Amino acid sequence: MPYSVDLIEEMQILTLYNLANTQEGLKIHHSAEPSSIAAALRLHNKGLISLPDGGYLTTLGIQAAEHAQSALNILNT
């Protein structure tokens, strides 16, 4: 499956989460880029984050964020 712009934006949001503290959430403000707002909503609809504008990672979201952040770390070395 090729990477779409939407998928890359969702992965970007997932890489913003602090996996060392899953009680630390994110807030995507209404003044954020429309693409970030839309990505957060898609992640929420997929059950990866708790709120349409960020919130906390769900159990599935933690797994997705771990994979996204691991891939980013590997590719940045």
PDB file of N, CA and C in Angstrom:
ATOM      1  N   MET A   1       0.849  -1.174   0.000  1.00  0.00           N
ATOM      2  CA  MET A   1       0.000   0.000   0.000  1.00  0.00           C
ATOM      3  C   MET A   1       0.893   1.234   0.000  1.00  0.00           C
ATOM      4  N   PRO A   2       0.701   2.134  -0.943  1.00  0.00           N
ATOM      5  CA  PRO A   2       1.518   3.354  -0.974  1.00  0.00           C
ATOM      6  C   PRO A   2       1.114   4.307   0.161  1.00  0.00           C
ATOM      7  N   TYR A   3       2.067   5.115   0.555  1.00  0.00           N
ATOM      8  CA  TYR A   3       1.798   6.113   1.590  1.00  0.00           C
ATOM      9  C   TYR A   3       1.017   7.266   0.977  1.00  0.00           C
ATOM     10  N   SER A   4      -0.085   7.604   1.607  1.00  0.00           N
ATOM     11  CA  SER A   4      -0.872   8.755   1.175  1.00  0.00           C
ATOM     12  C   SER A   4      -0.512   9.944   2.058  1.00  0.00           C
ATOM     13  N   VAL A   5      -0.871  11.116   1.621  1.00  0.00           N
ATOM     14  CA  VAL A   5      -0.644  12.324   2.425  1.00  0.00           C
ATOM     15  C   VAL A   5      -1.387  12.200   3.754  1.00  0.00           C
ATOM     16  N   ASP A   6      -2.612  11.671   3.716  1.00  0.00           N
ATOM     17  CA  ASP A   6      -3.388  11.503   4.947  1.00  0.00           C
ATOM     18  C   ASP A   6      -2.672  10.580   5.933  1.00  0.00           C
ATOM     19  N   LEU A   7      -2.141   9.478   5.436  1.00  0.00           N
ATOM     20  CA  LEU A   7      -1.442   8.523   6.295  1.00  0.00           C
ATOM     21  C   LEU A   7      -0.201   9.155   6.913  1.00  0.00           C
ATOM     22  N   ILE A   8       0.545   9.888   6.132  1.00  0.00           N
ATOM     23  CA  ILE A   8       1.740  10.558   6.653  1.00  0.00           C
ATOM     24  C   ILE A   8       1.364  11.575   7.725  1.00  0.00           C
ATOM     25  N   GLU A   9       0.283  12.321   7.518  1.00  0.00           N
ATOM     26  CA  GLU A   9      -0.159  13.293   8.520  1.00  0.00           C
ATOM     27  C   GLU A   9      -0.591  12.593   9.807  1.00  0.00           C
ATOM     28  N   GLU A  10      -1.257  11.450   9.692  1.00  0.00           N
ATOM     29  CA  GLU A  10      -1.652  10.699  10.879  1.00  0.00           C
ATOM     30  C   GLU A  10      -0.423  10.192  11.627  1.00  0.00           C
ATOM     31  N   MET A  11       0.554   9.696  10.887  1.00  0.00           N
ATOM     32  CA  MET A  11       1.775   9.221  11.527  1.00  0.00           C
ATOM     33  C   MET A  11       2.516  10.371  12.207  1.00  0.00           C
ATOM     34  N   GLN A  12       2.476  11.554  11.600  1.00  0.00           N
ATOM     35  CA  GLN A  12       3.104  12.726  12.209  1.00  0.00           C
ATOM     36  C   GLN A  12       2.477  13.023  13.572  1.00  0.00           C
ATOM     37  N   ILE A  13       1.162  12.954  13.651  1.00  0.00           N
ATOM     38  CA  ILE A  13       0.482  13.179  14.938  1.00  0.00           C
ATOM     39  C   ILE A  13       0.912  12.114  15.943  1.00  0.00           C
ATOM     40  N   LEU A  14       0.963  10.855  15.522  1.00  0.00           N
ATOM     41  CA  LEU A  14       1.357   9.774  16.425  1.00  0.00           C
ATOM     42  C   LEU A  14       2.769   9.960  16.958  1.00  0.00           C
ATOM     43  N   THR A  15       3.655  10.558  16.171  1.00  0.00           N
ATOM     44  CA  THR A  15       5.026  10.753  16.637  1.00  0.00           C
ATOM     45  C   THR A  15       5.145  11.884  17.654  1.00  0.00           C
ATOM     46  N   LEU A  16       4.105  12.674  17.822  1.00  0.00           N
ATOM     47  CA  LEU A  16       4.135  13.769  18.795  1.00  0.00           C
ATOM     48  C   LEU A  16       3.864  13.291  20.221  1.00  0.00           C
ATOM     49  N   TYR A  17       3.278  12.114  20.351  1.00  0.00           N
ATOM     50  CA  TYR A  17       2.939  11.606  21.685  1.00  0.00           C
ATOM     51  C   TYR A  17       4.186  11.151  22.432  1.00  0.00           C
ATOM     52  N   ASN A  18       4.200  11.421  23.739  1.00  0.00           N
ATOM     53  CA  ASN A  18       5.292  11.016  24.616  1.00  0.00           C
ATOM     54  C   ASN A  18       4.983   9.610  25.126  1.00  0.00           C
ATOM     55  N   LEU A  19       5.662   8.612  24.595  1.00  0.00           N
ATOM     56  CA  LEU A  19       5.398   7.235  24.993  1.00  0.00           C
ATOM     57  C   LEU A  19       5.963   6.903  26.367  1.00  0.00           C
ATOM     58  N   ALA A  20       6.838   7.737  26.889  1.00  0.00           N
ATOM     59  CA  ALA A  20       7.369   7.524  28.233  1.00  0.00           C
ATOM     60  C   ALA A  20       6.332   7.866  29.297  1.00  0.00           C
ATOM     61  N   ASN A  21       5.307   8.615  28.917  1.00  0.00           N
ATOM     62  CA  ASN A  21       4.245   9.006  29.850  1.00  0.00           C
ATOM     63  C   ASN A  21       2.916   8.995  29.097  1.00  0.00           C
ATOM     64  N   THR A  22       2.223   7.876  29.131  1.00  0.00           N
ATOM     65  CA  THR A  22       0.974   7.760  28.379  1.00  0.00           C
ATOM     66  C   THR A  22      -0.158   8.569  29.004  1.00  0.00           C
ATOM     67  N   GLN A  23       0.081   9.155  30.166  1.00  0.00           N
ATOM     68  CA  GLN A  23      -0.908  10.041  30.777  1.00  0.00           C
ATOM     69  C   GLN A  23      -0.768  11.480  30.268  1.00  0.00           C
ATOM     70  N   GLU A  24       0.191  11.688  29.385  1.00  0.00           N
ATOM     71  CA  GLU A  24       0.404  12.996  28.768  1.00  0.00           C
ATOM     72  C   GLU A  24      -0.245  12.967  27.393  1.00  0.00           C
ATOM     73  N   GLY A  25      -1.278  13.773  27.221  1.00  0.00           N
ATOM     74  CA  GLY A  25      -2.000  13.793  25.960  1.00  0.00           C
ATOM     75  C   GLY A  25      -1.585  14.958  25.080  1.00  0.00           C
ATOM     76  N   LEU A  26      -2.314  15.111  23.995  1.00  0.00           N
ATOM     77  CA  LEU A  26      -2.114  16.216  23.057  1.00  0.00           C
ATOM     78  C   LEU A  26      -3.411  16.970  22.872  1.00  0.00           C
ATOM     79  N   LYS A  27      -3.288  18.234  22.546  1.00  0.00           N
ATOM     80  CA  LYS A  27      -4.435  19.054  22.181  1.00  0.00           C
ATOM     81  C   LYS A  27      -4.124  19.689  20.838  1.00  0.00           C
ATOM     82  N   ILE A  28      -4.924  19.355  19.846  1.00  0.00           N
ATOM     83  CA  ILE A  28      -4.782  19.970  18.531  1.00  0.00           C
ATOM     84  C   ILE A  28      -5.738  21.169  18.519  1.00  0.00           C
ATOM     85  N   HIS A  29      -5.197  22.356  18.602  1.00  0.00           N
ATOM     86  CA  HIS A  29      -6.008  23.560  18.703  1.00  0.00           C
ATOM     87  C   HIS A  29      -6.709  23.885  17.383  1.00  0.00           C
ATOM     88  N   HIS A  30      -7.794  24.607  17.480  1.00  0.00           N
ATOM     89  CA  HIS A  30      -8.563  24.993  16.290  1.00  0.00           C
ATOM     90  C   HIS A  30      -7.754  25.870  15.339  1.00  0.00           C
ATOM     91  N   SER A  31      -6.676  26.449  15.845  1.00  0.00           N
ATOM     92  CA  SER A  31      -5.818  27.292  14.999  1.00  0.00           C
ATOM     93  C   SER A  31      -4.690  26.497  14.332  1.00  0.00           C
ATOM     94  N   ALA A  32      -4.641  25.181  14.589  1.00  0.00           N
ATOM     95  CA  ALA A  32      -3.616  24.336  13.967  1.00  0.00           C
ATOM     96  C   ALA A  32      -3.877  24.226  12.465  1.00  0.00           C
ATOM     97  N   GLU A  33      -2.911  23.691  11.770  1.00  0.00           N
ATOM     98  CA  GLU A  33      -3.077  23.450  10.338  1.00  0.00           C
ATOM     99  C   GLU A  33      -4.307  22.568  10.116  1.00  0.00           C
ATOM    100  N   PRO A  34      -5.123  22.888   9.135  1.00  0.00           N
ATOM    101  CA  PRO A  34      -6.306  22.052   8.845  1.00  0.00           C
ATOM    102  C   PRO A  34      -5.952  20.582   8.624  1.00  0.00           C
ATOM    103  N   SER A  35      -4.793  20.314   8.053  1.00  0.00           N
ATOM    104  CA  SER A  35      -4.393  18.920   7.827  1.00  0.00           C
ATOM    105  C   SER A  35      -4.147  18.196   9.151  1.00  0.00           C
ATOM    106  N   SER A  36      -3.631  18.892  10.148  1.00  0.00           N
ATOM    107  CA  SER A  36      -3.407  18.288  11.473  1.00  0.00           C
ATOM    108  C   SER A  36      -4.735  18.039  12.177  1.00  0.00           C
ATOM    109  N   ILE A  37      -5.639  18.983  12.066  1.00  0.00           N
ATOM    110  CA  ILE A  37      -6.968  18.831  12.662  1.00  0.00           C
ATOM    111  C   ILE A  37      -7.676  17.623  12.046  1.00  0.00           C
ATOM    112  N   ALA A  38      -7.598  17.504  10.729  1.00  0.00           N
ATOM    113  CA  ALA A  38      -8.236  16.389  10.026  1.00  0.00           C
ATOM    114  C   ALA A  38      -7.573  15.065  10.385  1.00  0.00           C
ATOM    115  N   ALA A  39      -6.249  15.056  10.522  1.00  0.00           N
ATOM    116  CA  ALA A  39      -5.535  13.833  10.877  1.00  0.00           C
ATOM    117  C   ALA A  39      -5.939  13.355  12.269  1.00  0.00           C
ATOM    118  N   ALA A  40      -6.060  14.282  13.207  1.00  0.00           N
ATOM    119  CA  ALA A  40      -6.487  13.908  14.559  1.00  0.00           C
ATOM    120  C   ALA A  40      -7.894  13.326  14.537  1.00  0.00           C
ATOM    121  N   LEU A  41      -8.771  13.909  13.784  1.00  0.00           N
ATOM    122  CA  LEU A  41     -10.135  13.385  13.680  1.00  0.00           C
ATOM    123  C   LEU A  41     -10.129  11.972  13.094  1.00  0.00           C
ATOM    124  N   ARG A  42      -9.328  11.743  12.073  1.00  0.00           N
ATOM    125  CA  ARG A  42      -9.235  10.402  11.488  1.00  0.00           C
ATOM    126  C   ARG A  42      -8.683   9.399  12.494  1.00  0.00           C
ATOM    127  N   LEU A  43      -7.666   9.798  13.261  1.00  0.00           N
ATOM    128  CA  LEU A  43      -7.108   8.910  14.280  1.00  0.00           C
ATOM    129  C   LEU A  43      -8.155   8.578  15.340  1.00  0.00           C
ATOM    130  N   HIS A  44      -8.946   9.560  15.702  1.00  0.00           N
ATOM    131  CA  HIS A  44     -10.024   9.322  16.663  1.00  0.00           C
ATOM    132  C   HIS A  44     -11.056   8.352  16.080  1.00  0.00           C
ATOM    133  N   ASN A  45     -11.435   8.561  14.834  1.00  0.00           N
ATOM    134  CA  ASN A  45     -12.410   7.684  14.182  1.00  0.00           C
ATOM    135  C   ASN A  45     -11.891   6.257  14.050  1.00  0.00           C
ATOM    136  N   LYS A  46     -10.584   6.096  13.985  1.00  0.00           N
ATOM    137  CA  LYS A  46      -9.971   4.769  13.906  1.00  0.00           C
ATOM    138  C   LYS A  46      -9.776   4.142  15.283  1.00  0.00           C
ATOM    139  N   GLY A  47     -10.083   4.897  16.339  1.00  0.00           N
ATOM    140  CA  GLY A  47      -9.949   4.383  17.692  1.00  0.00           C
ATOM    141  C   GLY A  47      -8.547   4.441  18.258  1.00  0.00           C
ATOM    142  N   LEU A  48      -7.699   5.317  17.703  1.00  0.00           N
ATOM    143  CA  LEU A  48      -6.317   5.406  18.163  1.00  0.00           C
ATOM    144  C   LEU A  48      -6.097   6.489  19.211  1.00  0.00           C
ATOM    145  N   ILE A  49      -6.935   7.521  19.211  1.00  0.00           N
ATOM    146  CA  ILE A  49      -6.844   8.571  20.227  1.00  0.00           C
ATOM    147  C   ILE A  49      -8.227   8.797  20.828  1.00  0.00           C
ATOM    148  N   SER A  50      -8.247   9.328  22.034  1.00  0.00           N
ATOM    149  CA  SER A  50      -9.488   9.394  22.811  1.00  0.00           C
ATOM    150  C   SER A  50     -10.440  10.514  22.402  1.00  0.00           C
ATOM    151  N   LEU A  51      -9.926  11.577  21.807  1.00  0.00           N
ATOM    152  CA  LEU A  51     -10.766  12.722  21.456  1.00  0.00           C
ATOM    153  C   LEU A  51     -10.515  13.150  20.015  1.00  0.00           C
ATOM    154  N   PRO A  52     -11.510  13.754  19.372  1.00  0.00           N
ATOM    155  CA  PRO A  52     -11.328  14.188  17.984  1.00  0.00           C
ATOM    156  C   PRO A  52     -10.243  15.244  17.804  1.00  0.00           C
ATOM    157  N   ASP A  53      -9.889  15.939  18.874  1.00  0.00           N
ATOM    158  CA  ASP A  53      -8.851  16.974  18.789  1.00  0.00           C
ATOM    159  C   ASP A  53      -7.602  16.605  19.587  1.00  0.00           C
ATOM    160  N   GLY A  54      -7.380  15.308  19.723  1.00  0.00           N
ATOM    161  CA  GLY A  54      -6.183  14.848  20.429  1.00  0.00           C
ATOM    162  C   GLY A  54      -6.532  13.943  21.583  1.00  0.00           C
ATOM    163  N   GLY A  55      -6.271  14.419  22.785  1.00  0.00           N
ATOM    164  CA  GLY A  55      -6.534  13.594  23.954  1.00  0.00           C
ATOM    165  C   GLY A  55      -5.399  12.613  24.175  1.00  0.00           C
ATOM    166  N   TYR A  56      -5.766  11.432  24.645  1.00  0.00           N
ATOM    167  CA  TYR A  56      -4.796  10.408  24.992  1.00  0.00           C
ATOM    168  C   TYR A  56      -4.805   9.292  23.961  1.00  0.00           C
ATOM    169  N   LEU A  57      -3.705   8.566  23.901  1.00  0.00           N
ATOM    170  CA  LEU A  57      -3.647   7.388  23.058  1.00  0.00           C
ATOM    171  C   LEU A  57      -4.479   6.278  23.683  1.00  0.00           C
ATOM    172  N   THR A  58      -5.204   5.559  22.867  1.00  0.00           N
ATOM    173  CA  THR A  58      -5.890   4.354  23.329  1.00  0.00           C
ATOM    174  C   THR A  58      -4.853   3.228  23.358  1.00  0.00           C
ATOM    175  N   THR A  59      -5.263   2.054  23.801  1.00  0.00           N
ATOM    176  CA  THR A  59      -4.351   0.909  23.802  1.00  0.00           C
ATOM    177  C   THR A  59      -3.841   0.635  22.391  1.00  0.00           C
ATOM    178  N   LEU A  60      -4.741   0.652  21.416  1.00  0.00           N
ATOM    179  CA  LEU A  60      -4.346   0.460  20.026  1.00  0.00           C
ATOM    180  C   LEU A  60      -3.477   1.617  19.551  1.00  0.00           C
ATOM    181  N   GLY A  61      -3.799   2.819  19.995  1.00  0.00           N
ATOM    182  CA  GLY A  61      -3.011   3.992  19.635  1.00  0.00           C
ATOM    183  C   GLY A  61      -1.593   3.934  20.160  1.00  0.00           C
ATOM    184  N   ILE A  62      -1.429   3.391  21.361  1.00  0.00           N
ATOM    185  CA  ILE A  62      -0.074   3.235  21.916  1.00  0.00           C
ATOM    186  C   ILE A  62       0.744   2.322  21.015  1.00  0.00           C
ATOM    187  N   GLN A  63       0.140   1.221  20.580  1.00  0.00           N
ATOM    188  CA  GLN A  63       0.844   0.295  19.691  1.00  0.00           C
ATOM    189  C   GLN A  63       1.206   0.989  18.380  1.00  0.00           C
ATOM    190  N   ALA A  64       0.273   1.721  17.816  1.00  0.00           N
ATOM    191  CA  ALA A  64       0.523   2.415  16.552  1.00  0.00           C
ATOM    192  C   ALA A  64       1.617   3.465  16.722  1.00  0.00           C
ATOM    193  N   ALA A  65       1.573   4.223  17.812  1.00  0.00           N
ATOM    194  CA  ALA A  65       2.577   5.263  18.064  1.00  0.00           C
ATOM    195  C   ALA A  65       3.956   4.638  18.273  1.00  0.00           C
ATOM    196  N   GLU A  66       4.006   3.505  18.972  1.00  0.00           N
ATOM    197  CA  GLU A  66       5.287   2.825  19.169  1.00  0.00           C
ATOM    198  C   GLU A  66       5.892   2.438  17.818  1.00  0.00           C
ATOM    199  N   HIS A  67       5.069   1.880  16.943  1.00  0.00           N
ATOM    200  CA  HIS A  67       5.565   1.473  15.628  1.00  0.00           C
ATOM    201  C   HIS A  67       5.979   2.687  14.790  1.00  0.00           C
ATOM    202  N   ALA A  68       5.165   3.720  14.807  1.00  0.00           N
ATOM    203  CA  ALA A  68       5.478   4.923  14.024  1.00  0.00           C
ATOM    204  C   ALA A  68       6.771   5.572  14.515  1.00  0.00           C
ATOM    205  N   GLN A  69       6.908   5.666  15.840  1.00  0.00           N
ATOM    206  CA  GLN A  69       8.107   6.295  16.389  1.00  0.00           C
ATOM    207  C   GLN A  69       9.342   5.426  16.189  1.00  0.00           C
ATOM    208  N   SER A  70       9.181   4.111  16.251  1.00  0.00           N
ATOM    209  CA  SER A  70      10.305   3.214  15.994  1.00  0.00           C
ATOM    210  C   SER A  70      10.766   3.335  14.549  1.00  0.00           C
ATOM    211  N   ALA A  71       9.826   3.343  13.623  1.00  0.00           N
ATOM    212  CA  ALA A  71      10.177   3.477  12.203  1.00  0.00           C
ATOM    213  C   ALA A  71      10.893   4.803  11.963  1.00  0.00           C
ATOM    214  N   LEU A  72      10.404   5.871  12.553  1.00  0.00           N
ATOM    215  CA  LEU A  72      11.041   7.167  12.397  1.00  0.00           C
ATOM    216  C   LEU A  72      12.461   7.157  12.945  1.00  0.00           C
ATOM    217  N   ASN A  73      12.648   6.545  14.107  1.00  0.00           N
ATOM    218  CA  ASN A  73      13.993   6.469  14.683  1.00  0.00           C
ATOM    219  C   ASN A  73      14.943   5.672  13.797  1.00  0.00           C
ATOM    220  N   ILE A  74      14.468   4.557  13.256  1.00  0.00           N
ATOM    221  CA  ILE A  74      15.314   3.732  12.391  1.00  0.00           C
ATOM    222  C   ILE A  74      15.683   4.507  11.126  1.00  0.00           C
ATOM    223  N   LEU A  75      14.717   5.182  10.532  1.00  0.00           N
ATOM    224  CA  LEU A  75      14.974   5.888   9.288  1.00  0.00           C
ATOM    225  C   LEU A  75      15.819   7.138   9.477  1.00  0.00           C
ATOM    226  N   ASN A  76      15.830   7.688  10.669  1.00  0.00           N
ATOM    227  CA  ASN A  76      16.621   8.892  10.948  1.00  0.00           C
ATOM    228  C   ASN A  76      18.050   8.595  11.379  1.00  0.00           C
ATOM    229  N   THR A  77      18.427   7.324  11.433  1.00  0.00           N
ATOM    230  CA  THR A  77      19.799   6.985  11.858  1.00  0.00           C
ATOM    231  C   THR A  77      20.719   6.920  10.662  1.00  0.00           C
TER     232      THR A  77
END
